[in-house]
Structures are given as C-alpha cells and as structure tokens.
C-alpha cells in the first residue's frame, strides 16, 4: 500500500470511540472526533475542550506507543501513522 492509498482510507468520525471500541475514552464530556484510517487507526482533532496548551500546539493529535504529537500539519502526522501501520503490519 502506498501513502496515498493509505490516506484514501481516511474517513471522518464524530465519535472515534464508537467506531473503534478499544478506543473509548472514559469520563470525557465530548466524544473524540477525527479521522480513522484503515478502519482501526486514527488521528484525533484537538477541540475547544482540550487544555489551552494543547490547542496552541496544533489542530491534530496523534498518539503512537508512548509518543504524542500535536500539529497543524495533518500530512506529517498521517505519514507517521502510515509508517507505524506498515511496521505493525496493519497495512501492506
């Protein structure tokens, strides 16, 4: 799979936890929103209810293993997620 093909799997979700049951967030007032890739990976949208320090860093949030990234550069985060997906054999 190429990066472009991976990105084409992207779908918007108004509730990531409802679509990826293992990713439910307990006690959150609003469901997490963002893009889902390959039906099981996601990049979350930083919303108004996030802490100000996070909102200042960017619009998109990606957590891979123990590494958190917040950025306005969605493509850069997608490329990180794609590399992870290849490494973990989520996509081929």
Foldseek 3Di string as FASTA:
>chain_A
DDLVVQVVQKDWDQAVCVQAVVPDDPPDPGHWIFIDTLSHATKTFDDPPDDPVLVVAAGIWHQDDHDIDHHPPVSVVSVVVVVVCVVVVSDD
